[in-house]
């Protein structure tokens, strides 16, 4: 199947939101309740618009057809939070699953992350998408229940090293760095308050 991937722009937002909603409603129907799915549709839609407008996410879309003719059909979307090296959402049109769309979008995002010298990619995956992410080399870190509009939704935190290193070693190093940063910030505040 021939499709192309490109960065999204503001005119794509309505089609992105429609695709997200369709993907969630159809592909998650066997795993989550209708109430959970609708809370995900609303939450993901609001998050996508807010993040895109704020410049917090880079969004890539997969399209069929020619852009020049205006006949391109959106068949997939991935949102990437670059500063956190985290997938904000990955959605594929139900009629195009298992045809390379999701893996093509993920390859684009992982390439961008590697170019930015990110070492680990993360994703909070729905239960539906866990097998896909595992096939892309992601490992389960822990299961977690996340509330969307007060609706609990079971998810799995996953990660993948981008530089071939051991994932657990990288995660421990990141945690130690974060603890060191917090400790030095706290020490700065204590010294500042003491001297004041």
N, C-alpha and C. Protein backbone atom coordinates (compact mmCIF):
# COMPACT_ATOMS: atom_id res chain seq x y z
N UNK A 1 0.85 -1.17 0.00
CA UNK A 1 0.00 0.00 0.00
C UNK A 1 0.89 1.23 0.00
N UNK A 2 0.59 2.17 -0.87
CA UNK A 2 1.36 3.41 -0.97
C UNK A 2 0.71 4.51 -0.15
N UNK A 3 1.47 5.04 0.80
CA UNK A 3 1.02 6.20 1.56
C UNK A 3 2.25 7.05 1.83
N UNK A 4 2.04 8.29 2.16
CA UNK A 4 3.16 9.16 2.50
C UNK A 4 2.93 9.78 3.87
N UNK A 5 4.04 10.11 4.52
CA UNK A 5 4.01 10.70 5.86
C UNK A 5 4.57 12.11 5.77
N UNK A 6 3.89 13.02 6.45
CA UNK A 6 4.34 14.41 6.46
C UNK A 6 3.97 15.04 7.79
N UNK A 7 4.63 16.16 8.14
CA UNK A 7 4.22 16.88 9.34
C UNK A 7 2.81 17.45 9.17
N UNK A 8 2.05 17.44 10.23
CA UNK A 8 0.70 18.01 10.20
C UNK A 8 0.78 19.52 10.32
N UNK A 9 -0.26 20.17 9.83
CA UNK A 9 -0.39 21.61 10.06
C UNK A 9 -1.80 21.89 10.57
N UNK A 10 -2.08 23.14 10.85
CA UNK A 10 -3.34 23.51 11.51
C UNK A 10 -4.57 23.06 10.72
N UNK A 11 -4.49 23.05 9.39
CA UNK A 11 -5.67 22.65 8.61
C UNK A 11 -5.99 21.17 8.75
N UNK A 12 -5.04 20.37 9.26
CA UNK A 12 -5.26 18.93 9.46
C UNK A 12 -6.00 18.61 10.75
N UNK A 13 -6.08 19.54 11.68
CA UNK A 13 -6.63 19.24 13.01
C UNK A 13 -8.03 18.63 12.96
N UNK A 14 -8.99 19.16 12.20
CA UNK A 14 -10.31 18.51 12.18
C UNK A 14 -10.25 17.04 11.73
N UNK A 15 -9.45 16.76 10.70
CA UNK A 15 -9.33 15.37 10.22
C UNK A 15 -8.61 14.50 11.24
N UNK A 16 -7.62 15.06 11.94
CA UNK A 16 -6.92 14.31 12.99
C UNK A 16 -7.89 13.93 14.10
N UNK A 17 -8.70 14.89 14.55
CA UNK A 17 -9.66 14.62 15.62
C UNK A 17 -10.69 13.58 15.19
N UNK A 18 -11.15 13.65 13.95
CA UNK A 18 -12.11 12.67 13.45
C UNK A 18 -11.47 11.28 13.39
N UNK A 19 -10.24 11.21 12.93
CA UNK A 19 -9.55 9.92 12.85
C UNK A 19 -9.32 9.33 14.24
N UNK A 20 -8.87 10.16 15.19
CA UNK A 20 -8.68 9.69 16.57
C UNK A 20 -9.97 9.09 17.12
N UNK A 21 -11.07 9.80 16.95
CA UNK A 21 -12.35 9.35 17.49
C UNK A 21 -12.76 8.03 16.85
N UNK A 22 -12.66 7.93 15.53
CA UNK A 22 -13.02 6.69 14.83
C UNK A 22 -12.15 5.53 15.29
N UNK A 23 -10.84 5.76 15.36
CA UNK A 23 -9.91 4.72 15.77
C UNK A 23 -10.22 4.24 17.19
N UNK A 24 -10.41 5.16 18.11
CA UNK A 24 -10.73 4.78 19.48
C UNK A 24 -12.05 4.01 19.57
N UNK A 25 -13.07 4.50 18.90
CA UNK A 25 -14.39 3.87 19.00
C UNK A 25 -14.41 2.47 18.40
N UNK A 26 -13.72 2.27 17.30
CA UNK A 26 -13.75 0.96 16.63
C UNK A 26 -12.73 0.00 17.21
N UNK A 27 -11.49 0.42 17.34
CA UNK A 27 -10.42 -0.50 17.72
C UNK A 27 -10.38 -0.80 19.21
N UNK A 28 -11.00 0.03 20.04
CA UNK A 28 -10.99 -0.20 21.49
C UNK A 28 -12.27 -0.81 22.03
N UNK A 29 -13.22 -1.06 21.15
CA UNK A 29 -14.56 -1.50 21.58
C UNK A 29 -14.56 -2.83 22.33
N UNK A 30 -13.61 -3.71 22.04
CA UNK A 30 -13.56 -5.01 22.72
C UNK A 30 -12.83 -4.95 24.06
N UNK A 31 -12.16 -3.83 24.34
CA UNK A 31 -11.31 -3.74 25.53
C UNK A 31 -11.86 -2.78 26.58
N UNK A 32 -12.42 -1.66 26.14
CA UNK A 32 -12.90 -0.64 27.06
C UNK A 32 -14.41 -0.45 26.90
N UNK A 33 -15.05 0.08 27.94
CA UNK A 33 -16.49 0.34 27.89
C UNK A 33 -16.75 1.57 27.02
N UNK A 34 -18.00 1.73 26.61
CA UNK A 34 -18.39 2.89 25.80
C UNK A 34 -18.11 4.19 26.55
N UNK A 35 -18.34 4.21 27.86
CA UNK A 35 -18.08 5.41 28.66
C UNK A 35 -16.59 5.74 28.69
N UNK A 36 -15.76 4.71 28.86
CA UNK A 36 -14.31 4.92 28.86
C UNK A 36 -13.84 5.45 27.50
N UNK A 37 -14.36 4.85 26.44
CA UNK A 37 -13.96 5.27 25.09
C UNK A 37 -14.34 6.71 24.83
N UNK A 38 -15.55 7.10 25.19
CA UNK A 38 -15.99 8.48 24.94
C UNK A 38 -15.18 9.48 25.77
N UNK A 39 -14.79 9.09 26.99
CA UNK A 39 -13.94 9.98 27.78
C UNK A 39 -12.55 10.09 27.13
N UNK A 40 -12.06 8.99 26.55
CA UNK A 40 -10.79 9.04 25.82
C UNK A 40 -10.90 9.91 24.58
N UNK A 41 -12.01 9.80 23.85
CA UNK A 41 -12.21 10.61 22.65
C UNK A 41 -12.15 12.09 23.00
N UNK A 42 -12.89 12.49 24.03
CA UNK A 42 -12.91 13.90 24.42
C UNK A 42 -11.54 14.35 24.96
N UNK A 43 -10.94 13.54 25.82
CA UNK A 43 -9.66 13.92 26.43
C UNK A 43 -8.55 13.98 25.38
N UNK A 44 -8.47 12.99 24.50
CA UNK A 44 -7.44 12.99 23.47
C UNK A 44 -7.65 14.14 22.48
N UNK A 45 -8.90 14.44 22.17
CA UNK A 45 -9.18 15.56 21.27
C UNK A 45 -8.75 16.89 21.87
N UNK A 46 -9.12 17.11 23.12
CA UNK A 46 -8.74 18.36 23.79
C UNK A 46 -7.22 18.46 23.94
N UNK A 47 -6.58 17.34 24.30
CA UNK A 47 -5.12 17.34 24.46
C UNK A 47 -4.42 17.62 23.14
N UNK A 48 -4.92 17.04 22.08
CA UNK A 48 -4.27 17.23 20.78
C UNK A 48 -4.33 18.68 20.34
N UNK A 49 -5.50 19.31 20.47
CA UNK A 49 -5.66 20.71 20.07
C UNK A 49 -4.79 21.61 20.94
N UNK A 50 -4.85 21.42 22.26
CA UNK A 50 -4.08 22.27 23.17
C UNK A 50 -2.58 22.11 22.94
N UNK A 51 -2.12 20.88 22.80
CA UNK A 51 -0.68 20.63 22.62
C UNK A 51 -0.19 21.15 21.28
N UNK A 52 -1.00 20.96 20.24
CA UNK A 52 -0.60 21.45 18.92
C UNK A 52 -0.51 22.97 18.92
N UNK A 53 -1.54 23.62 19.48
CA UNK A 53 -1.56 25.09 19.52
C UNK A 53 -0.42 25.65 20.35
N UNK A 54 -0.03 24.94 21.41
CA UNK A 54 1.05 25.41 22.28
C UNK A 54 2.43 25.04 21.72
N UNK A 55 2.46 24.22 20.69
CA UNK A 55 3.73 23.79 20.12
C UNK A 55 4.42 22.72 20.94
N UNK A 56 3.67 22.04 21.82
CA UNK A 56 4.26 21.01 22.68
C UNK A 56 4.40 19.66 21.98
N UNK A 57 3.65 19.45 20.91
CA UNK A 57 3.71 18.19 20.18
C UNK A 57 4.10 18.43 18.73
N UNK A 58 4.80 17.46 18.20
CA UNK A 58 5.03 17.40 16.76
C UNK A 58 4.10 16.30 16.27
N UNK A 59 3.29 16.60 15.28
CA UNK A 59 2.33 15.61 14.79
C UNK A 59 2.68 15.26 13.34
N UNK A 60 2.73 13.95 13.08
CA UNK A 60 2.91 13.46 11.72
C UNK A 60 1.65 12.74 11.30
N UNK A 61 1.28 12.89 10.03
CA UNK A 61 0.11 12.21 9.49
C UNK A 61 0.53 11.32 8.33
N UNK A 62 -0.17 10.22 8.19
CA UNK A 62 0.00 9.32 7.04
C UNK A 62 -1.20 9.53 6.14
N UNK A 63 -0.94 9.74 4.84
CA UNK A 63 -2.01 10.06 3.89
C UNK A 63 -1.95 9.15 2.67
N UNK A 64 -3.13 8.86 2.14
CA UNK A 64 -3.27 8.20 0.85
C UNK A 64 -3.65 9.27 -0.16
N UNK A 65 -3.22 9.12 -1.38
CA UNK A 65 -3.63 10.06 -2.43
C UNK A 65 -2.69 11.24 -2.54
N UNK A 66 -2.97 12.06 -3.52
CA UNK A 66 -2.09 13.20 -3.84
C UNK A 66 -2.51 14.43 -3.06
N UNK A 67 -1.54 15.06 -2.40
CA UNK A 67 -1.79 16.31 -1.67
C UNK A 67 -2.19 17.43 -2.63
N UNK A 68 -1.53 17.47 -3.78
CA UNK A 68 -1.75 18.57 -4.73
C UNK A 68 -3.20 18.63 -5.20
N UNK A 69 -3.81 17.48 -5.35
CA UNK A 69 -5.19 17.45 -5.83
C UNK A 69 -6.19 17.71 -4.72
N UNK A 70 -5.70 17.70 -3.47
CA UNK A 70 -6.60 17.90 -2.34
C UNK A 70 -7.40 16.65 -2.02
N UNK A 71 -7.05 15.53 -2.65
CA UNK A 71 -7.80 14.29 -2.46
C UNK A 71 -7.13 13.35 -1.47
N UNK A 72 -6.13 13.82 -0.74
CA UNK A 72 -5.42 12.96 0.21
C UNK A 72 -6.35 12.57 1.36
N UNK A 73 -6.31 11.28 1.71
CA UNK A 73 -7.11 10.78 2.82
C UNK A 73 -6.19 10.48 3.99
N UNK A 74 -6.51 11.03 5.15
CA UNK A 74 -5.74 10.80 6.36
C UNK A 74 -6.04 9.39 6.87
N UNK A 75 -4.97 8.56 7.03
CA UNK A 75 -5.19 7.18 7.49
C UNK A 75 -4.43 6.88 8.78
N UNK A 76 -3.61 7.82 9.25
CA UNK A 76 -2.88 7.59 10.49
C UNK A 76 -2.31 8.89 11.03
N UNK A 77 -2.09 8.91 12.33
CA UNK A 77 -1.52 10.10 12.98
C UNK A 77 -0.73 9.66 14.20
N UNK A 78 0.41 10.32 14.41
CA UNK A 78 1.18 10.11 15.63
C UNK A 78 1.55 11.48 16.18
N UNK A 79 1.39 11.65 17.48
CA UNK A 79 1.77 12.88 18.16
C UNK A 79 2.98 12.56 19.04
N UNK A 80 3.99 13.40 18.93
CA UNK A 80 5.25 13.18 19.63
C UNK A 80 5.57 14.39 20.50
N UNK A 81 5.75 14.15 21.79
CA UNK A 81 6.14 15.20 22.73
C UNK A 81 7.66 15.14 22.81
N UNK A 82 8.31 15.95 22.00
CA UNK A 82 9.76 15.84 21.81
C UNK A 82 10.55 16.07 23.09
N UNK A 83 10.20 17.07 23.88
CA UNK A 83 11.00 17.38 25.07
C UNK A 83 10.93 16.27 26.11
N UNK A 84 9.92 15.40 26.02
CA UNK A 84 9.81 14.27 26.94
C UNK A 84 10.15 12.95 26.26
N UNK A 85 10.40 13.02 24.95
CA UNK A 85 10.65 11.82 24.14
C UNK A 85 9.54 10.79 24.39
N UNK A 86 8.30 11.26 24.23
CA UNK A 86 7.15 10.42 24.53
C UNK A 86 6.10 10.52 23.43
N UNK A 87 5.50 9.40 23.12
CA UNK A 87 4.39 9.36 22.18
C UNK A 87 3.16 9.89 22.90
N UNK A 88 2.52 10.91 22.34
CA UNK A 88 1.32 11.48 22.92
C UNK A 88 0.06 10.79 22.42
N UNK A 89 0.16 10.10 21.30
CA UNK A 89 -0.97 9.36 20.74
C UNK A 89 -0.60 8.80 19.38
N UNK A 90 -1.10 7.61 19.10
CA UNK A 90 -0.91 6.96 17.80
C UNK A 90 -2.25 6.36 17.41
N UNK A 91 -2.77 6.79 16.26
CA UNK A 91 -4.09 6.35 15.82
C UNK A 91 -4.04 6.00 14.34
N UNK A 92 -4.68 4.89 13.98
CA UNK A 92 -4.75 4.45 12.59
C UNK A 92 -6.21 4.21 12.24
N UNK A 93 -6.59 4.58 11.03
CA UNK A 93 -7.93 4.33 10.54
C UNK A 93 -8.19 2.83 10.61
N UNK A 94 -9.34 2.39 11.14
CA UNK A 94 -9.61 0.95 11.28
C UNK A 94 -9.49 0.16 9.97
N UNK A 95 -9.73 0.80 8.84
CA UNK A 95 -9.61 0.11 7.56
C UNK A 95 -8.18 -0.08 7.08
N UNK A 96 -7.21 0.47 7.82
CA UNK A 96 -5.81 0.40 7.38
C UNK A 96 -4.87 -0.15 8.45
N UNK A 97 -5.42 -0.85 9.44
CA UNK A 97 -4.55 -1.45 10.45
C UNK A 97 -3.80 -2.63 9.84
N UNK A 98 -2.64 -2.92 10.41
CA UNK A 98 -1.77 -4.02 9.97
C UNK A 98 -1.35 -3.90 8.51
N UNK A 99 -1.13 -2.66 8.07
CA UNK A 99 -0.68 -2.42 6.70
C UNK A 99 0.55 -1.51 6.66
N UNK A 100 1.23 -1.39 7.80
CA UNK A 100 2.46 -0.63 7.85
C UNK A 100 2.32 0.83 8.20
N UNK A 101 1.10 1.30 8.42
CA UNK A 101 0.88 2.73 8.70
C UNK A 101 1.46 3.10 10.07
N UNK A 102 1.08 2.36 11.11
CA UNK A 102 1.55 2.66 12.47
C UNK A 102 3.06 2.52 12.56
N UNK A 103 3.62 1.46 11.99
CA UNK A 103 5.08 1.28 12.07
C UNK A 103 5.81 2.36 11.27
N UNK A 104 5.24 2.81 10.15
CA UNK A 104 5.83 3.90 9.39
C UNK A 104 5.84 5.20 10.18
N UNK A 105 4.74 5.49 10.86
CA UNK A 105 4.65 6.69 11.69
C UNK A 105 5.64 6.62 12.86
N UNK A 106 5.73 5.45 13.49
CA UNK A 106 6.66 5.28 14.61
C UNK A 106 8.11 5.42 14.16
N UNK A 107 8.42 4.90 12.99
CA UNK A 107 9.79 5.03 12.48
C UNK A 107 10.15 6.50 12.29
N UNK A 108 9.20 7.28 11.80
CA UNK A 108 9.43 8.72 11.60
C UNK A 108 9.73 9.42 12.93
N UNK A 109 8.95 9.10 13.94
CA UNK A 109 9.12 9.72 15.25
C UNK A 109 10.41 9.25 15.91
N UNK A 110 10.72 7.97 15.82
CA UNK A 110 11.95 7.46 16.43
C UNK A 110 13.18 8.06 15.76
N UNK A 111 13.11 8.28 14.45
CA UNK A 111 14.21 8.93 13.73
C UNK A 111 14.41 10.35 14.26
N UNK A 112 13.30 11.08 14.43
CA UNK A 112 13.37 12.44 14.96
C UNK A 112 13.98 12.43 16.36
N UNK A 113 13.54 11.50 17.20
CA UNK A 113 14.06 11.42 18.57
C UNK A 113 15.55 11.11 18.56
N UNK A 114 15.98 10.19 17.71
CA UNK A 114 17.40 9.84 17.62
C UNK A 114 18.22 11.04 17.14
N UNK A 115 17.69 11.80 16.20
CA UNK A 115 18.39 12.99 15.71
C UNK A 115 18.53 14.04 16.80
N UNK A 116 17.59 14.04 17.74
CA UNK A 116 17.65 14.96 18.87
C UNK A 116 18.46 14.39 20.04
N UNK A 117 19.11 13.27 19.78
CA UNK A 117 19.95 12.57 20.76
C UNK A 117 19.17 12.07 21.97
N UNK A 118 17.89 11.77 21.78
CA UNK A 118 17.11 11.15 22.84
C UNK A 118 17.60 9.71 22.98
N UNK A 119 17.58 9.20 24.19
CA UNK A 119 18.08 7.85 24.41
C UNK A 119 16.98 6.83 24.62
N UNK A 120 15.83 7.29 25.10
CA UNK A 120 14.72 6.38 25.41
C UNK A 120 13.42 7.00 24.90
N UNK A 121 12.61 6.20 24.23
CA UNK A 121 11.26 6.61 23.83
C UNK A 121 10.29 6.00 24.82
N UNK A 122 9.26 6.75 25.17
CA UNK A 122 8.24 6.28 26.11
C UNK A 122 6.86 6.40 25.49
N UNK A 123 5.96 5.60 26.01
CA UNK A 123 4.56 5.70 25.62
C UNK A 123 3.70 5.14 26.75
N UNK A 124 2.58 5.81 27.02
CA UNK A 124 1.57 5.27 27.91
C UNK A 124 0.55 4.62 26.98
N UNK A 125 0.63 3.32 26.85
CA UNK A 125 -0.15 2.59 25.85
C UNK A 125 -1.49 2.12 26.39
N UNK A 126 -2.49 2.16 25.52
CA UNK A 126 -3.75 1.50 25.84
C UNK A 126 -3.49 0.00 25.82
N UNK A 127 -4.36 -0.77 26.44
CA UNK A 127 -4.20 -2.23 26.42
C UNK A 127 -4.27 -2.77 25.00
N UNK A 128 -5.03 -2.08 24.15
CA UNK A 128 -5.20 -2.51 22.76
C UNK A 128 -3.88 -2.44 22.00
N UNK A 129 -3.07 -1.44 22.26
CA UNK A 129 -1.86 -1.19 21.48
C UNK A 129 -0.60 -1.87 22.02
N UNK A 130 -0.67 -2.49 23.19
CA UNK A 130 0.52 -3.11 23.79
C UNK A 130 1.20 -4.09 22.83
N UNK A 131 0.47 -5.03 22.20
CA UNK A 131 1.16 -5.96 21.28
C UNK A 131 1.88 -5.26 20.12
N UNK A 132 1.29 -4.18 19.61
CA UNK A 132 1.96 -3.43 18.54
C UNK A 132 3.27 -2.84 19.04
N UNK A 133 3.24 -2.15 20.18
CA UNK A 133 4.46 -1.54 20.70
C UNK A 133 5.52 -2.60 21.01
N UNK A 134 5.10 -3.75 21.54
CA UNK A 134 6.06 -4.82 21.78
C UNK A 134 6.71 -5.27 20.47
N UNK A 135 5.94 -5.32 19.40
CA UNK A 135 6.50 -5.72 18.11
C UNK A 135 7.49 -4.68 17.58
N UNK A 136 7.40 -3.44 18.07
CA UNK A 136 8.31 -2.36 17.68
C UNK A 136 9.51 -2.26 18.62
N UNK A 137 9.63 -3.19 19.57
CA UNK A 137 10.79 -3.21 20.46
C UNK A 137 10.59 -2.52 21.79
N UNK A 138 9.36 -2.14 22.13
CA UNK A 138 9.08 -1.50 23.42
C UNK A 138 8.88 -2.57 24.48
N UNK A 139 9.29 -2.23 25.70
CA UNK A 139 9.14 -3.14 26.84
C UNK A 139 8.15 -2.56 27.83
N UNK A 140 7.42 -3.46 28.47
CA UNK A 140 6.49 -3.03 29.52
C UNK A 140 7.28 -2.62 30.75
N UNK A 141 6.94 -1.46 31.30
CA UNK A 141 7.57 -1.03 32.55
C UNK A 141 6.64 -1.31 33.73
N UNK A 142 5.39 -0.84 33.62
CA UNK A 142 4.41 -1.11 34.66
C UNK A 142 3.01 -0.83 34.14
N UNK A 143 2.04 -1.45 34.77
CA UNK A 143 0.63 -1.20 34.46
C UNK A 143 0.14 -0.08 35.36
N UNK A 144 -0.83 0.65 34.85
CA UNK A 144 -1.31 1.80 35.60
C UNK A 144 -2.74 2.12 35.18
N UNK A 145 -3.53 2.63 36.10
CA UNK A 145 -4.86 3.09 35.78
C UNK A 145 -4.83 4.62 35.73
N UNK A 146 -5.24 5.15 34.58
CA UNK A 146 -5.25 6.60 34.37
C UNK A 146 -6.70 7.04 34.28
N UNK A 147 -7.04 8.15 34.91
CA UNK A 147 -8.41 8.66 34.85
C UNK A 147 -8.54 9.71 33.75
N UNK A 148 -9.51 9.51 32.90
CA UNK A 148 -9.88 10.48 31.88
C UNK A 148 -11.30 10.89 32.19
N UNK A 149 -11.47 12.15 32.56
CA UNK A 149 -12.79 12.65 32.98
C UNK A 149 -13.40 11.75 34.06
N UNK A 150 -12.62 11.39 35.03
CA UNK A 150 -13.04 10.54 36.16
C UNK A 150 -13.40 9.12 35.76
N UNK A 151 -13.03 8.71 34.55
CA UNK A 151 -13.24 7.32 34.12
C UNK A 151 -11.89 6.61 34.17
N UNK A 152 -11.76 5.59 35.01
CA UNK A 152 -10.49 4.86 35.08
C UNK A 152 -10.27 4.02 33.81
N UNK A 153 -9.06 4.12 33.25
CA UNK A 153 -8.70 3.39 32.05
C UNK A 153 -7.37 2.69 32.31
N UNK A 154 -7.34 1.37 32.17
CA UNK A 154 -6.10 0.62 32.37
C UNK A 154 -5.16 0.85 31.20
N UNK A 155 -3.90 1.15 31.52
CA UNK A 155 -2.87 1.43 30.52
C UNK A 155 -1.58 0.72 30.92
N UNK A 156 -0.60 0.77 30.04
CA UNK A 156 0.71 0.19 30.31
C UNK A 156 1.77 1.20 29.91
N UNK A 157 2.65 1.55 30.85
CA UNK A 157 3.79 2.41 30.55
C UNK A 157 4.84 1.53 29.87
N UNK A 158 5.34 1.99 28.72
CA UNK A 158 6.31 1.22 27.94
C UNK A 158 7.46 2.13 27.52
N UNK A 159 8.59 1.52 27.21
CA UNK A 159 9.75 2.30 26.77
C UNK A 159 10.63 1.46 25.86
N UNK A 160 11.45 2.19 25.07
CA UNK A 160 12.37 1.54 24.14
C UNK A 160 13.66 2.35 24.10
N UNK A 161 14.82 1.68 24.28
CA UNK A 161 16.08 2.41 24.13
C UNK A 161 16.33 2.66 22.64
N UNK A 162 16.82 3.85 22.32
CA UNK A 162 17.07 4.20 20.92
C UNK A 162 18.51 3.99 20.50
N UNK A 163 19.39 3.82 21.48
CA UNK A 163 20.81 3.71 21.13
C UNK A 163 21.38 2.32 21.40
N UNK A 164 20.53 1.32 21.51
CA UNK A 164 20.99 -0.05 21.68
C UNK A 164 21.43 -0.39 23.10
N UNK A 165 21.34 0.54 24.02
CA UNK A 165 21.75 0.26 25.39
C UNK A 165 20.67 -0.53 26.12
N UNK A 166 21.03 -0.99 27.30
CA UNK A 166 20.11 -1.72 28.16
C UNK A 166 19.08 -0.75 28.72
N UNK A 167 17.80 -1.05 28.53
CA UNK A 167 16.72 -0.15 28.95
C UNK A 167 16.74 0.09 30.46
N UNK A 168 16.88 -0.95 31.26
CA UNK A 168 16.85 -0.77 32.71
C UNK A 168 17.99 0.12 33.19
N UNK A 169 19.18 -0.05 32.63
CA UNK A 169 20.32 0.77 33.01
C UNK A 169 20.06 2.24 32.65
N UNK A 170 19.50 2.48 31.46
CA UNK A 170 19.19 3.86 31.05
C UNK A 170 18.15 4.49 31.98
N UNK A 171 17.12 3.74 32.33
CA UNK A 171 16.08 4.28 33.19
C UNK A 171 16.61 4.59 34.59
N UNK A 172 17.48 3.73 35.12
CA UNK A 172 18.08 4.00 36.43
C UNK A 172 18.94 5.25 36.36
N UNK A 173 19.73 5.39 35.30
CA UNK A 173 20.57 6.58 35.14
C UNK A 173 19.70 7.84 35.08
N UNK A 174 18.57 7.78 34.33
CA UNK A 174 17.68 8.95 34.25
C UNK A 174 17.10 9.30 35.61
N UNK A 175 16.69 8.27 36.38
CA UNK A 175 16.13 8.53 37.71
C UNK A 175 17.17 9.15 38.63
N UNK A 176 18.40 8.62 38.58
CA UNK A 176 19.46 9.19 39.41
C UNK A 176 19.74 10.63 39.04
N UNK A 177 19.74 10.93 37.75
CA UNK A 177 19.96 12.30 37.30
C UNK A 177 18.85 13.21 37.82
N UNK A 178 17.60 12.75 37.74
CA UNK A 178 16.46 13.53 38.22
C UNK A 178 16.56 13.77 39.72
N UNK A 179 16.90 12.72 40.48
CA UNK A 179 17.05 12.86 41.93
C UNK A 179 18.16 13.86 42.24
N UNK A 180 19.26 13.79 41.53
CA UNK A 180 20.36 14.74 41.72
C UNK A 180 19.94 16.16 41.43
N UNK A 181 19.16 16.35 40.36
CA UNK A 181 18.68 17.67 40.00
C UNK A 181 17.75 18.22 41.08
N UNK A 182 16.83 17.40 41.58
CA UNK A 182 15.92 17.82 42.64
C UNK A 182 16.70 18.15 43.90
N UNK A 183 17.67 17.31 44.26
CA UNK A 183 18.46 17.53 45.47
C UNK A 183 19.26 18.83 45.37
N UNK A 184 19.88 19.09 44.22
CA UNK A 184 20.66 20.32 44.09
C UNK A 184 19.75 21.54 44.09
N UNK A 185 18.56 21.43 43.51
CA UNK A 185 17.60 22.55 43.54
C UNK A 185 17.14 22.83 44.96
N UNK A 186 16.88 21.77 45.71
CA UNK A 186 16.46 21.91 47.10
C UNK A 186 17.57 22.54 47.93
N UNK A 187 18.80 22.11 47.70
CA UNK A 187 19.94 22.68 48.41
C UNK A 187 20.08 24.17 48.11
N UNK A 188 19.87 24.55 46.85
CA UNK A 188 19.93 25.96 46.46
C UNK A 188 18.88 26.77 47.22
N UNK A 189 17.66 26.25 47.32
CA UNK A 189 16.59 26.95 48.02
C UNK A 189 16.92 27.08 49.50
N UNK A 190 17.47 26.02 50.12
CA UNK A 190 17.82 26.07 51.53
C UNK A 190 18.89 27.13 51.77
N UNK A 191 19.91 27.15 50.93
CA UNK A 191 20.98 28.15 51.08
C UNK A 191 20.42 29.55 50.89
N UNK A 192 19.57 29.73 49.88
CA UNK A 192 19.00 31.05 49.61
C UNK A 192 18.16 31.54 50.78
N UNK A 193 17.35 30.65 51.35
CA UNK A 193 16.49 31.03 52.47
C UNK A 193 17.34 31.32 53.70
N UNK A 194 18.37 30.53 53.92
CA UNK A 194 19.26 30.73 55.06
C UNK A 194 19.98 32.08 54.98
N UNK A 195 20.45 32.42 53.79
CA UNK A 195 21.18 33.68 53.61
C UNK A 195 20.25 34.89 53.61
N UNK A 196 19.01 34.70 53.34
CA UNK A 196 18.07 35.81 53.28
C UNK A 196 17.81 36.29 54.64
